[in-house]
N, C-alpha and C. Protein backbone atom coordinates (compact mmCIF):
# COMPACT_ATOMS: atom_id res chain seq x y z
N UNK A 1 6.29 25.27 -6.47
CA UNK A 1 7.24 24.16 -6.10
C UNK A 1 6.71 24.24 -4.52
N UNK A 2 6.46 23.04 -4.04
CA UNK A 2 5.92 22.98 -2.56
C UNK A 2 7.16 22.62 -1.59
N UNK A 3 7.48 23.72 -0.85
CA UNK A 3 8.64 23.36 -0.01
C UNK A 3 8.30 22.46 1.29
N UNK A 4 7.20 22.08 1.45
CA UNK A 4 6.61 21.20 2.74
C UNK A 4 6.27 19.97 2.17
N UNK A 5 6.64 19.55 0.92
CA UNK A 5 6.18 18.42 0.39
C UNK A 5 6.44 17.15 1.10
N UNK A 6 7.61 16.79 1.52
CA UNK A 6 7.87 15.62 2.43
C UNK A 6 7.60 15.90 4.02
N UNK A 7 7.36 16.77 4.37
CA UNK A 7 7.19 17.16 5.86
C UNK A 7 6.10 16.29 6.52
N UNK A 8 4.93 15.95 5.74
CA UNK A 8 4.05 14.79 6.28
C UNK A 8 4.80 13.52 6.67
N UNK A 9 5.35 12.81 5.69
CA UNK A 9 6.08 11.73 5.98
C UNK A 9 7.06 11.71 6.73
N UNK A 10 7.67 12.55 6.93
CA UNK A 10 8.70 13.13 8.14
C UNK A 10 8.17 13.11 9.37
N UNK A 11 7.15 13.85 9.68
CA UNK A 11 6.39 13.72 10.80
C UNK A 11 5.64 12.33 11.27
N UNK A 12 5.19 11.69 10.32
CA UNK A 12 4.74 10.29 10.51
C UNK A 12 5.76 9.25 10.95
N UNK A 13 7.04 9.42 10.42
CA UNK A 13 8.14 8.63 10.74
C UNK A 13 8.55 8.83 12.06
N UNK A 14 8.61 10.16 12.36
CA UNK A 14 9.04 10.57 13.59
C UNK A 14 7.92 10.08 14.82
N UNK A 15 6.98 10.45 14.57
CA UNK A 15 5.77 9.87 15.44
C UNK A 15 5.87 8.24 15.84
N UNK A 16 6.06 7.51 14.64
CA UNK A 16 6.11 6.23 14.67
C UNK A 16 7.37 5.67 15.43
N UNK A 17 8.68 6.36 14.95
CA UNK A 17 9.69 6.14 15.89
C UNK A 17 9.46 6.38 17.39
N UNK A 18 8.84 7.30 17.84
CA UNK A 18 8.75 7.85 19.27
C UNK A 18 7.70 6.73 19.84
N UNK A 19 6.68 6.44 19.05
CA UNK A 19 5.99 5.43 19.50
C UNK A 19 6.53 3.90 19.90
N UNK A 20 7.46 3.58 18.87
CA UNK A 20 8.22 2.43 19.15
C UNK A 20 8.85 2.54 20.47
N UNK A 21 9.43 3.51 20.82
CA UNK A 21 10.37 3.62 22.11
C UNK A 21 9.37 3.53 23.48
N UNK A 22 8.05 3.56 23.13
CA UNK A 22 7.23 3.61 24.25
C UNK A 22 6.45 2.13 24.31
N UNK A 23 6.76 1.31 23.29
CA UNK A 23 5.85 -0.13 23.28
C UNK A 23 7.05 -1.07 23.82
N UNK A 24 6.47 -1.87 24.66
CA UNK A 24 7.45 -2.98 25.19
C UNK A 24 7.59 -4.13 24.11
N UNK A 25 6.63 -4.40 23.12
CA UNK A 25 6.78 -5.46 22.19
C UNK A 25 6.76 -4.83 20.87
N UNK A 26 7.98 -4.43 20.53
CA UNK A 26 8.11 -3.98 19.05
C UNK A 26 7.93 -4.71 17.99
N UNK A 27 8.40 -6.10 18.21
CA UNK A 27 8.55 -7.14 17.40
C UNK A 27 7.00 -7.24 16.82
N UNK A 28 5.93 -7.35 17.69
CA UNK A 28 4.63 -7.62 17.36
C UNK A 28 4.15 -6.37 16.55
N UNK A 29 4.59 -5.16 16.96
CA UNK A 29 4.02 -3.90 16.18
C UNK A 29 4.52 -4.15 14.69
N UNK A 30 5.83 -4.60 14.52
CA UNK A 30 6.35 -4.77 13.31
C UNK A 30 5.62 -5.74 12.55
N UNK A 31 5.46 -6.91 13.18
CA UNK A 31 4.57 -8.02 12.51
C UNK A 31 2.94 -7.43 12.16
N UNK A 32 2.29 -6.74 12.96
CA UNK A 32 1.23 -6.45 12.65
C UNK A 32 1.11 -5.18 11.45
N UNK A 33 2.17 -4.47 11.43
CA UNK A 33 2.15 -3.42 10.33
C UNK A 33 2.53 -4.04 9.07
N UNK A 34 3.22 -5.14 9.24
CA UNK A 34 3.67 -5.80 7.98
C UNK A 34 2.44 -6.53 7.41
N UNK A 35 1.81 -7.15 8.14
CA UNK A 35 0.60 -7.93 7.83
C UNK A 35 -0.56 -6.83 7.20
N UNK A 36 -0.58 -5.73 7.67
CA UNK A 36 -1.51 -4.85 7.32
C UNK A 36 -1.09 -4.48 5.93
N UNK A 37 0.25 -4.18 5.66
CA UNK A 37 0.76 -3.71 4.47
C UNK A 37 0.37 -4.91 3.35
N UNK A 38 0.83 -6.13 3.71
CA UNK A 38 0.67 -7.00 2.80
C UNK A 38 -0.55 -7.32 2.21
N UNK A 39 -1.59 -7.32 3.31
CA UNK A 39 -3.00 -7.68 2.87
C UNK A 39 -3.49 -6.44 2.02
N UNK A 40 -3.14 -5.34 2.28
CA UNK A 40 -3.62 -4.06 1.48
C UNK A 40 -3.09 -4.32 0.18
N UNK A 41 -1.87 -4.79 -0.05
CA UNK A 41 -1.19 -4.83 -1.32
C UNK A 41 -1.88 -5.89 -2.15
N UNK A 42 -2.26 -7.16 -1.43
CA UNK A 42 -3.07 -8.20 -2.24
C UNK A 42 -4.38 -7.85 -2.59
N UNK A 43 -5.02 -7.25 -1.80
CA UNK A 43 -6.36 -6.69 -2.09
C UNK A 43 -6.37 -5.67 -3.24
N UNK A 44 -5.45 -4.64 -3.24
CA UNK A 44 -5.24 -3.45 -4.39
C UNK A 44 -5.02 -4.43 -5.49
N UNK A 45 -3.93 -5.38 -5.78
CA UNK A 45 -3.66 -6.08 -6.77
C UNK A 45 -4.68 -6.71 -7.54
N UNK A 46 -5.43 -7.35 -6.54
CA UNK A 46 -6.68 -8.26 -7.07
C UNK A 46 -7.70 -7.42 -7.65
N UNK A 47 -8.16 -6.23 -6.82
CA UNK A 47 -9.01 -5.40 -7.56
C UNK A 47 -8.39 -4.75 -8.78
N UNK A 48 -7.19 -4.51 -8.97
CA UNK A 48 -6.69 -3.98 -10.17
C UNK A 48 -6.71 -4.98 -11.25
N UNK A 49 -6.50 -6.32 -11.07
CA UNK A 49 -6.76 -7.39 -11.96
C UNK A 49 -8.13 -7.37 -12.49
N UNK A 50 -8.94 -7.53 -11.47
CA UNK A 50 -10.61 -7.61 -11.86
C UNK A 50 -10.97 -6.35 -12.86
N UNK A 51 -10.33 -5.17 -12.38
CA UNK A 51 -10.91 -3.94 -13.08
C UNK A 51 -10.37 -3.98 -14.51
N UNK A 52 -9.03 -4.38 -14.60
CA UNK A 52 -8.48 -4.65 -15.93
C UNK A 52 -9.23 -5.65 -16.76
N UNK A 53 -9.42 -6.59 -16.43
CA UNK A 53 -10.33 -7.54 -16.98
C UNK A 53 -11.75 -7.27 -17.47
N UNK A 54 -12.36 -6.49 -16.66
CA UNK A 54 -13.60 -6.05 -16.73
C UNK A 54 -13.79 -4.89 -17.96
N UNK A 55 -12.58 -3.95 -17.73
CA UNK A 55 -12.41 -2.80 -18.84
C UNK A 55 -12.24 -3.53 -20.25
N UNK A 56 -11.48 -4.37 -20.09
CA UNK A 56 -11.05 -5.10 -21.42
C UNK A 56 -12.40 -5.89 -22.07
N UNK A 57 -13.06 -6.49 -21.23
CA UNK A 57 -14.21 -7.34 -21.78
C UNK A 57 -15.29 -6.23 -22.27
N UNK A 58 -15.28 -5.09 -21.75
CA UNK A 58 -16.36 -4.06 -22.09
C UNK A 58 -15.85 -3.47 -23.42
N UNK A 59 -14.62 -3.25 -23.45
CA UNK A 59 -14.11 -2.61 -24.79
C UNK A 59 -14.22 -3.48 -25.96
N UNK A 60 -14.34 -4.93 -25.73
CA UNK A 60 -14.59 -5.81 -26.72
C UNK A 60 -13.08 -6.40 -27.23
N UNK A 61 -12.13 -6.10 -26.32
CA UNK A 61 -10.66 -6.60 -26.81
C UNK A 61 -10.75 -8.16 -26.91
N UNK A 62 -10.10 -8.86 -27.95
CA UNK A 62 -10.01 -10.09 -27.95
C UNK A 62 -8.58 -10.78 -27.89
N UNK A 63 -8.42 -11.76 -27.59
CA UNK A 63 -7.03 -12.18 -27.74
C UNK A 63 -6.24 -11.96 -26.08
N UNK A 64 -4.90 -12.36 -26.23
CA UNK A 64 -4.38 -12.08 -25.16
C UNK A 64 -3.51 -10.93 -25.20
N UNK A 65 -3.35 -10.11 -24.10
CA UNK A 65 -2.83 -8.86 -23.89
C UNK A 65 -1.25 -8.87 -24.24
N UNK A 66 -0.62 -8.00 -24.83
CA UNK A 66 0.70 -8.00 -24.98
C UNK A 66 1.49 -7.22 -24.46
N UNK A 67 2.68 -7.40 -23.74
CA UNK A 67 3.38 -6.42 -22.92
C UNK A 67 4.04 -5.47 -23.79
């Protein structure tokens, strides 16, 4: 059992919070961070769909995928 499991994220959040107190335009920081997160999620999703389609094509699967 790792007792320091969540320490990294806690340290990151503390550093981020401290940094926001030093930034005069916190709204712009939130906007930039939000845009980076959204863009990363979109590219990751697109890559996942492409990989899934490629894997199914190589495996010779036919028809629609069922949930």
